[in-house]
Amino acid sequence: MVIGITGGIGSGKSQVLSLMKQEFGAELLVADDIAHQLTEPGHSCYEHILDEFGSEVLSEDGSINRKKLSEIVFSNPVCLKKLNKIVHPMVKEYIRGEISCVQLEDPAKIIVIEAALLIEDHYDEICDEIWYVYATEEVRRERLKKSRGYSDEKIDDIMKNQLSDEQFRKSCQKIIDNSGTPEETLQELKKALEF
């Protein structure tokens, strides 16, 4: 089974991924981690990013300076679109390959994909189900202030650029309420997996 995990910032997707791995032995495919890997020198996205953005995005060691690159793309929607056009298809292709490998080795293994733009990038094409990790806005704000030190203004900026609760609910087959304790979330996952 291939499950896509999505949800707004601060909803606790990392906790859900961790529980899926610990409790159910799931294979985790985290798009952000894969994107970092694919933008390293010698990997598929690296040259394309250099062609598009030039050597000013490089660190002294020749790797891509993520801070410089994010300053460029987050201040310019056209540049962000260009970067996403390079990275997202390659990440998705890599994930397809990983799914094939895992399914060959262990057809019964649960595979969990986490990607920021899971719905927007049509991961429903490769997932059996998409799960929405939900937490109340109050809980999400509290987590982001505590774990990342974000201000209310920064949280507002991020949240307004993400899908609404209604959009997530409409696009997902199951909802995991992650507003409570880890034990309560585990019960939600067992119910979703019909354990």
C-alpha atoms as a PDB file:
ATOM      1  CA  MET A   1       0.000   0.000   0.000  1.00  0.00           C
ATOM      2  CA  VAL A   2       1.272   3.474  -0.917  1.00  0.00           C
ATOM      3  CA  ILE A   3       0.000   6.257   1.349  1.00  0.00           C
ATOM      4  CA  GLY A   4       0.536   9.961   0.737  1.00  0.00           C
ATOM      5  CA  ILE A   5       0.726  12.110   3.864  1.00  0.00           C
ATOM      6  CA  THR A   6      -0.149  15.795   3.679  1.00  0.00           C
ATOM      7  CA  GLY A   7      -1.279  18.610   5.944  1.00  0.00           C
ATOM      8  CA  GLY A   8      -0.568  22.200   6.846  1.00  0.00           C
ATOM      9  CA  ILE A   9       2.571  23.405   8.558  1.00  0.00           C
ATOM     10  CA  GLY A  10       2.659  22.483  12.244  1.00  0.00           C
ATOM     11  CA  SER A  11       0.096  19.702  11.849  1.00  0.00           C
ATOM     12  CA  GLY A  12       2.679  17.129  12.967  1.00  0.00           C
ATOM     13  CA  LYS A  13       3.360  15.209   9.766  1.00  0.00           C
ATOM     14  CA  SER A  14       6.830  14.284  11.089  1.00  0.00           C
ATOM     15  CA  GLN A  15       5.286  12.676  14.158  1.00  0.00           C
ATOM     16  CA  VAL A  16       2.889  10.683  11.963  1.00  0.00           C
ATOM     17  CA  LEU A  17       5.790   9.556   9.737  1.00  0.00           C
ATOM     18  CA  SER A  18       7.764   8.510  12.804  1.00  0.00           C
ATOM     19  CA  LEU A  19       4.825   6.481  14.186  1.00  0.00           C
ATOM     20  CA  MET A  20       4.240   4.851  10.782  1.00  0.00           C
ATOM     21  CA  LYS A  21       7.871   3.716  10.689  1.00  0.00           C
ATOM     22  CA  GLN A  22       8.146   2.627  14.356  1.00  0.00           C
ATOM     23  CA  GLU A  23       4.761   0.985  14.764  1.00  0.00           C
ATOM     24  CA  PHE A  24       4.032  -0.399  11.290  1.00  0.00           C
ATOM     25  CA  GLY A  25       7.501  -0.730   9.690  1.00  0.00           C
ATOM     26  CA  ALA A  26       6.615   1.671   6.889  1.00  0.00           C
ATOM     27  CA  GLU A  27       9.161   2.725   4.286  1.00  0.00           C
ATOM     28  CA  LEU A  28       9.311   6.531   4.345  1.00  0.00           C
ATOM     29  CA  LEU A  29       9.872   8.639   1.242  1.00  0.00           C
ATOM     30  CA  VAL A  30      10.158  12.303   2.240  1.00  0.00           C
ATOM     31  CA  ALA A  31      10.146  14.578  -0.811  1.00  0.00           C
ATOM     32  CA  ASP A  32      12.143  17.355   0.906  1.00  0.00           C
ATOM     33  CA  ASP A  33      14.953  14.949   1.814  1.00  0.00           C
ATOM     34  CA  ILE A  34      14.965  13.502  -1.703  1.00  0.00           C
ATOM     35  CA  ALA A  35      15.061  17.017  -3.208  1.00  0.00           C
ATOM     36  CA  HIS A  36      18.114  17.857  -1.045  1.00  0.00           C
ATOM     37  CA  GLN A  37      19.807  14.680  -2.246  1.00  0.00           C
ATOM     38  CA  LEU A  38      19.005  15.344  -5.929  1.00  0.00           C
ATOM     39  CA  THR A  39      20.405  18.890  -5.759  1.00  0.00           C
ATOM     40  CA  GLU A  40      23.826  17.716  -4.538  1.00  0.00           C
ATOM     41  CA  PRO A  41      26.716  17.851  -7.044  1.00  0.00           C
ATOM     42  CA  GLY A  42      26.582  14.899  -9.427  1.00  0.00           C
ATOM     43  CA  HIS A  43      22.821  14.382  -9.064  1.00  0.00           C
ATOM     44  CA  SER A  44      20.062  15.074 -11.578  1.00  0.00           C
ATOM     45  CA  CYS A  45      18.796  18.496 -10.408  1.00  0.00           C
ATOM     46  CA  TYR A  46      22.196  20.068  -9.730  1.00  0.00           C
ATOM     47  CA  GLU A  47      23.195  20.923 -13.330  1.00  0.00           C
ATOM     48  CA  HIS A  48      19.679  22.102 -14.224  1.00  0.00           C
ATOM     49  CA  ILE A  49      19.663  24.502 -11.258  1.00  0.00           C
ATOM     50  CA  LEU A  50      23.097  25.854 -12.247  1.00  0.00           C
ATOM     51  CA  ASP A  51      21.934  26.332 -15.857  1.00  0.00           C
ATOM     52  CA  GLU A  52      18.874  28.251 -14.668  1.00  0.00           C
ATOM     53  CA  PHE A  53      20.267  30.294 -11.755  1.00  0.00           C
ATOM     54  CA  GLY A  54      23.997  30.521 -12.455  1.00  0.00           C
ATOM     55  CA  SER A  55      27.038  30.047 -10.227  1.00  0.00           C
ATOM     56  CA  GLU A  56      25.942  32.753  -7.742  1.00  0.00           C
ATOM     57  CA  VAL A  57      23.828  30.077  -6.006  1.00  0.00           C
ATOM     58  CA  LEU A  58      26.927  28.001  -5.227  1.00  0.00           C
ATOM     59  CA  SER A  59      28.772  27.723  -1.928  1.00  0.00           C
ATOM     60  CA  GLU A  60      32.569  27.742  -1.848  1.00  0.00           C
ATOM     61  CA  ASP A  61      32.634  23.927  -1.838  1.00  0.00           C
ATOM     62  CA  GLY A  62      30.616  23.790  -5.096  1.00  0.00           C
ATOM     63  CA  SER A  63      27.353  22.675  -3.489  1.00  0.00           C
ATOM     64  CA  ILE A  64      24.169  24.668  -3.895  1.00  0.00           C
ATOM     65  CA  ASN A  65      23.791  27.305  -1.207  1.00  0.00           C
ATOM     66  CA  ARG A  66      20.181  26.696  -0.164  1.00  0.00           C
ATOM     67  CA  LYS A  67      19.960  30.013   1.677  1.00  0.00           C
ATOM     68  CA  LYS A  68      21.002  32.006  -1.414  1.00  0.00           C
ATOM     69  CA  LEU A  69      18.717  29.984  -3.663  1.00  0.00           C
ATOM     70  CA  SER A  70      15.715  30.349  -1.355  1.00  0.00           C
ATOM     71  CA  GLU A  71      16.323  34.136  -1.107  1.00  0.00           C
ATOM     72  CA  ILE A  72      16.131  34.312  -4.908  1.00  0.00           C
ATOM     73  CA  VAL A  73      13.088  32.093  -5.389  1.00  0.00           C
ATOM     74  CA  PHE A  74      10.987  33.274  -2.468  1.00  0.00           C
ATOM     75  CA  SER A  75      11.326  36.907  -3.519  1.00  0.00           C
ATOM     76  CA  ASN A  76      10.413  36.123  -7.131  1.00  0.00           C
ATOM     77  CA  PRO A  77       7.408  33.915  -8.024  1.00  0.00           C
ATOM     78  CA  VAL A  78       8.730  33.365 -11.565  1.00  0.00           C
ATOM     79  CA  CYS A  79      12.014  31.978 -10.191  1.00  0.00           C
ATOM     80  CA  LEU A  80      10.135  29.799  -7.696  1.00  0.00           C
ATOM     81  CA  LYS A  81       8.079  28.367 -10.553  1.00  0.00           C
ATOM     82  CA  LYS A  82      11.275  27.646 -12.524  1.00  0.00           C
ATOM     83  CA  LEU A  83      12.887  25.889  -9.548  1.00  0.00           C
ATOM     84  CA  ASN A  84       9.754  23.832  -8.870  1.00  0.00           C
ATOM     85  CA  LYS A  85       9.627  22.854 -12.559  1.00  0.00           C
ATOM     86  CA  ILE A  86      13.160  21.473 -12.251  1.00  0.00           C
ATOM     87  CA  VAL A  87      12.933  19.772  -8.860  1.00  0.00           C
ATOM     88  CA  HIS A  88       9.376  18.447  -8.462  1.00  0.00           C
ATOM     89  CA  PRO A  89       9.218  16.177 -11.564  1.00  0.00           C
ATOM     90  CA  MET A  90      12.636  14.671 -10.743  1.00  0.00           C
ATOM     91  CA  VAL A  91      11.649  14.043  -7.118  1.00  0.00           C
ATOM     92  CA  LYS A  92       8.426  12.386  -8.248  1.00  0.00           C
ATOM     93  CA  GLU A  93      10.312  10.218 -10.744  1.00  0.00           C
ATOM     94  CA  TYR A  94      12.795   9.193  -8.032  1.00  0.00           C
ATOM     95  CA  ILE A  95       9.896   8.295  -5.716  1.00  0.00           C
ATOM     96  CA  ARG A  96       8.287   6.154  -8.444  1.00  0.00           C
ATOM     97  CA  GLY A  97      11.579   4.255  -8.771  1.00  0.00           C
ATOM     98  CA  GLU A  98      11.860   3.768  -5.000  1.00  0.00           C
ATOM     99  CA  ILE A  99       8.278   2.460  -4.819  1.00  0.00           C
ATOM    100  CA  SER A 100       9.091  -0.127  -7.524  1.00  0.00           C
ATOM    101  CA  CYS A 101      12.211  -1.269  -5.653  1.00  0.00           C
ATOM    102  CA  VAL A 102      10.441  -1.566  -2.286  1.00  0.00           C
ATOM    103  CA  GLN A 103       7.497  -3.424  -3.822  1.00  0.00           C
ATOM    104  CA  LEU A 104       9.860  -5.895  -5.500  1.00  0.00           C
ATOM    105  CA  GLU A 105      11.658  -6.587  -2.208  1.00  0.00           C
ATOM    106  CA  ASP A 106       8.565  -6.704   0.021  1.00  0.00           C
ATOM    107  CA  PRO A 107       5.159  -6.427  -1.675  1.00  0.00           C
ATOM    108  CA  ALA A 108       3.390  -6.254   1.710  1.00  0.00           C
ATOM    109  CA  LYS A 109       5.391  -3.263   2.998  1.00  0.00           C
ATOM    110  CA  ILE A 110       3.549   0.000   3.611  1.00  0.00           C
ATOM    111  CA  ILE A 111       5.150   2.916   1.740  1.00  0.00           C
ATOM    112  CA  VAL A 112       4.511   6.444   3.014  1.00  0.00           C
ATOM    113  CA  ILE A 113       5.231   9.509   0.887  1.00  0.00           C
ATOM    114  CA  GLU A 114       5.361  12.968   2.439  1.00  0.00           C
ATOM    115  CA  ALA A 115       5.504  15.976   0.135  1.00  0.00           C
ATOM    116  CA  ALA A 116       4.580  19.620   0.672  1.00  0.00           C
ATOM    117  CA  LEU A 117       2.709  19.786  -2.624  1.00  0.00           C
ATOM    118  CA  LEU A 118       1.314  16.246  -2.576  1.00  0.00           C
ATOM    119  CA  ILE A 119      -2.127  17.306  -3.790  1.00  0.00           C
ATOM    120  CA  GLU A 120      -0.978  20.065  -6.147  1.00  0.00           C
ATOM    121  CA  ASP A 121       1.629  17.782  -7.777  1.00  0.00           C
ATOM    122  CA  HIS A 122      -0.967  15.012  -8.329  1.00  0.00           C
ATOM    123  CA  TYR A 123       0.629  12.342  -6.168  1.00  0.00           C
ATOM    124  CA  ASP A 124      -2.800  10.691  -6.198  1.00  0.00           C
ATOM    125  CA  GLU A 125      -1.517   9.121  -9.451  1.00  0.00           C
ATOM    126  CA  ILE A 126       0.963   7.015  -7.466  1.00  0.00           C
ATOM    127  CA  CYS A 127      -0.723   6.740  -4.043  1.00  0.00           C
ATOM    128  CA  ASP A 128      -3.421   4.256  -3.097  1.00  0.00           C
ATOM    129  CA  GLU A 129      -4.700   6.748  -0.520  1.00  0.00           C
ATOM    130  CA  ILE A 130      -3.904  10.276   0.592  1.00  0.00           C
ATOM    131  CA  TRP A 131      -4.195  11.039   4.296  1.00  0.00           C
ATOM    132  CA  TYR A 132      -4.676  14.512   5.730  1.00  0.00           C
ATOM    133  CA  VAL A 133      -2.841  15.100   9.000  1.00  0.00           C
ATOM    134  CA  TYR A 134      -5.068  17.549  10.821  1.00  0.00           C
ATOM    135  CA  ALA A 135      -4.433  19.619  13.941  1.00  0.00           C
ATOM    136  CA  THR A 136      -6.379  22.617  15.158  1.00  0.00           C
ATOM    137  CA  GLU A 137      -4.939  26.000  14.205  1.00  0.00           C
ATOM    138  CA  GLU A 138      -4.319  26.746  17.886  1.00  0.00           C
ATOM    139  CA  VAL A 139      -2.225  23.558  18.279  1.00  0.00           C
ATOM    140  CA  ARG A 140      -0.346  24.236  15.036  1.00  0.00           C
ATOM    141  CA  ARG A 141       0.532  27.798  16.066  1.00  0.00           C
ATOM    142  CA  GLU A 142       1.684  26.634  19.494  1.00  0.00           C
ATOM    143  CA  ARG A 143       3.930  23.957  17.943  1.00  0.00           C
ATOM    144  CA  LEU A 144       5.484  26.382  15.439  1.00  0.00           C
ATOM    145  CA  LYS A 145       6.248  28.980  18.093  1.00  0.00           C
ATOM    146  CA  LYS A 146       7.743  26.368  20.416  1.00  0.00           C
ATOM    147  CA  SER A 147       9.684  24.224  17.923  1.00  0.00           C
ATOM    148  CA  ARG A 148      10.735  26.826  15.349  1.00  0.00           C
ATOM    149  CA  GLY A 149      10.408  30.127  17.176  1.00  0.00           C
ATOM    150  CA  TYR A 150       8.059  31.521  14.510  1.00  0.00           C
ATOM    151  CA  SER A 151       6.161  34.758  15.092  1.00  0.00           C
ATOM    152  CA  ASP A 152       2.406  35.045  14.485  1.00  0.00           C
ATOM    153  CA  GLU A 153       3.164  37.115  11.353  1.00  0.00           C
ATOM    154  CA  LYS A 154       5.434  34.420   9.901  1.00  0.00           C
ATOM    155  CA  ILE A 155       2.860  31.727  10.700  1.00  0.00           C
ATOM    156  CA  ASP A 156       0.112  33.823   9.037  1.00  0.00           C
ATOM    157  CA  ASP A 157       2.277  34.245   5.899  1.00  0.00           C
ATOM    158  CA  ILE A 158       2.942  30.518   5.622  1.00  0.00           C
ATOM    159  CA  MET A 159      -0.628  29.436   6.386  1.00  0.00           C
ATOM    160  CA  LYS A 160      -2.188  31.784   3.834  1.00  0.00           C
ATOM    161  CA  ASN A 161      -0.073  30.152   1.098  1.00  0.00           C
ATOM    162  CA  GLN A 162      -1.179  26.627   1.972  1.00  0.00           C
ATOM    163  CA  LEU A 163      -4.353  24.753   1.103  1.00  0.00           C
ATOM    164  CA  SER A 164      -7.320  25.354   3.389  1.00  0.00           C
ATOM    165  CA  ASP A 165      -8.691  22.724   5.748  1.00  0.00           C
ATOM    166  CA  GLU A 166     -11.644  22.341   3.380  1.00  0.00           C
ATOM    167  CA  GLN A 167      -9.359  21.763   0.353  1.00  0.00           C
ATOM    168  CA  PHE A 168      -7.324  19.150   2.241  1.00  0.00           C
ATOM    169  CA  ARG A 169     -10.489  17.330   3.385  1.00  0.00           C
ATOM    170  CA  LYS A 170     -11.918  17.327  -0.140  1.00  0.00           C
ATOM    171  CA  SER A 171      -8.721  15.850  -1.638  1.00  0.00           C
ATOM    172  CA  CYS A 172      -7.910  13.178   0.964  1.00  0.00           C
ATOM    173  CA  GLN A 173      -9.413   9.769   1.681  1.00  0.00           C
ATOM    174  CA  LYS A 174      -8.632   9.686   5.409  1.00  0.00           C
ATOM    175  CA  ILE A 175      -8.151  12.278   8.134  1.00  0.00           C
ATOM    176  CA  ILE A 176      -5.687  11.714  10.970  1.00  0.00           C
ATOM    177  CA  ASP A 177      -6.444  14.012  13.904  1.00  0.00           C
ATOM    178  CA  ASN A 178      -3.057  14.882  15.373  1.00  0.00           C
ATOM    179  CA  SER A 179      -4.233  17.540  17.833  1.00  0.00           C
ATOM    180  CA  GLY A 180      -3.805  15.297  20.882  1.00  0.00           C
ATOM    181  CA  THR A 181      -1.180  13.006  22.390  1.00  0.00           C
ATOM    182  CA  PRO A 182       1.057  10.619  20.418  1.00  0.00           C
ATOM    183  CA  GLU A 183      -0.996   7.724  21.860  1.00  0.00           C
ATOM    184  CA  GLU A 184      -4.200   9.260  20.480  1.00  0.00           C
ATOM    185  CA  THR A 185      -2.542   9.756  17.091  1.00  0.00           C
ATOM    186  CA  LEU A 186      -1.410   6.110  17.107  1.00  0.00           C
ATOM    187  CA  GLN A 187      -5.030   5.050  17.653  1.00  0.00           C
ATOM    188  CA  GLU A 188      -6.052   7.240  14.679  1.00  0.00           C
ATOM    189  CA  LEU A 189      -3.411   5.500  12.520  1.00  0.00           C
ATOM    190  CA  LYS A 190      -4.519   2.024  13.620  1.00  0.00           C
ATOM    191  CA  LYS A 191      -8.080   2.934  12.728  1.00  0.00           C
ATOM    192  CA  ALA A 192      -6.983   4.303   9.320  1.00  0.00           C
ATOM    193  CA  LEU A 193      -4.999   1.122   8.623  1.00  0.00           C
ATOM    194  CA  GLU A 194      -7.846  -0.995  10.025  1.00  0.00           C
ATOM    195  CA  PHE A 195      -5.586  -2.743  12.542  1.00  0.00           C
END
